[in-house]
Amino acid sequence: MVGQEKIDRINELAKIAKERDLTEAEETEREALRKEYIQAFKKSAKQQFDRIKIVD
């Protein structure tokens, strides 16, 4: 799971991006954090779907 600090940083970078262009380092950091967040989200969703049992 992605920690709250990383989520806050993603949001902070998004806010900065709305105000001005991100530096190359900020852009790289944002992409890495987004990738990590998406992977964690997919893993969590897959675990939830694997636990679903359909009963007729």
Protein backbone atom coordinates (compact mmCIF):
# COMPACT_ATOMS: atom_id res chain seq x y z
CA MET A 1 0.00 0.00 0.00
CA VAL A 2 1.16 3.50 -0.77
CA GLY A 3 1.59 5.61 2.36
CA GLN A 4 -0.24 8.84 3.03
CA GLU A 5 3.00 10.81 2.66
CA LYS A 6 3.38 9.63 -0.94
CA ILE A 7 -0.25 10.40 -1.74
CA ASP A 8 0.20 13.88 -0.29
CA ARG A 9 3.31 14.36 -2.44
CA ILE A 10 1.41 13.26 -5.57
CA ASN A 11 -1.29 15.81 -4.76
CA GLU A 12 1.30 18.50 -4.05
CA LEU A 13 2.98 17.90 -7.41
CA ALA A 14 -0.41 18.01 -9.15
CA LYS A 15 -1.15 21.38 -7.55
CA ILE A 16 2.27 22.71 -8.57
CA ALA A 17 1.70 21.46 -12.13
CA LYS A 18 -1.48 23.54 -12.33
CA GLU A 19 0.41 26.66 -11.26
CA ARG A 20 3.59 26.25 -13.34
CA ASP A 21 5.54 23.76 -15.40
CA LEU A 22 7.23 21.06 -13.36
CA THR A 23 10.99 20.73 -13.42
CA GLU A 24 12.42 17.60 -14.97
CA ALA A 25 13.17 16.18 -11.51
CA GLU A 26 9.62 16.90 -10.31
CA GLU A 27 8.15 15.34 -13.45
CA THR A 28 10.25 12.20 -12.96
CA GLU A 29 9.24 12.00 -9.29
CA ARG A 30 5.57 12.45 -10.17
CA GLU A 31 5.67 9.68 -12.77
CA ALA A 32 7.41 7.29 -10.36
CA LEU A 33 4.92 8.03 -7.57
CA ARG A 34 1.95 7.65 -9.93
CA LYS A 35 3.28 4.34 -11.21
CA GLU A 36 3.73 3.06 -7.65
CA TYR A 37 0.24 4.23 -6.68
CA ILE A 38 -1.39 2.59 -9.69
CA GLN A 39 0.43 -0.70 -9.07
CA ALA A 40 -0.71 -0.71 -5.44
CA PHE A 41 -4.28 0.11 -6.49
CA LYS A 42 -4.34 -2.71 -9.05
CA LYS A 43 -2.93 -5.17 -6.51
CA SER A 44 -5.55 -4.18 -3.95
CA ALA A 45 -8.39 -4.42 -6.47
CA LYS A 46 -7.19 -7.83 -7.66
CA GLN A 47 -7.08 -9.11 -4.07
CA GLN A 48 -10.64 -7.90 -3.51
CA PHE A 49 -11.87 -9.47 -6.75
CA ASP A 50 -10.16 -12.75 -5.89
CA ARG A 51 -12.15 -12.89 -2.64
CA ILE A 52 -15.50 -12.42 -4.36
CA LYS A 53 -17.56 -15.57 -4.48
CA ILE A 54 -20.55 -15.64 -6.82
CA VAL A 55 -23.47 -17.74 -5.65
CA ASP A 56 -26.45 -18.59 -7.85
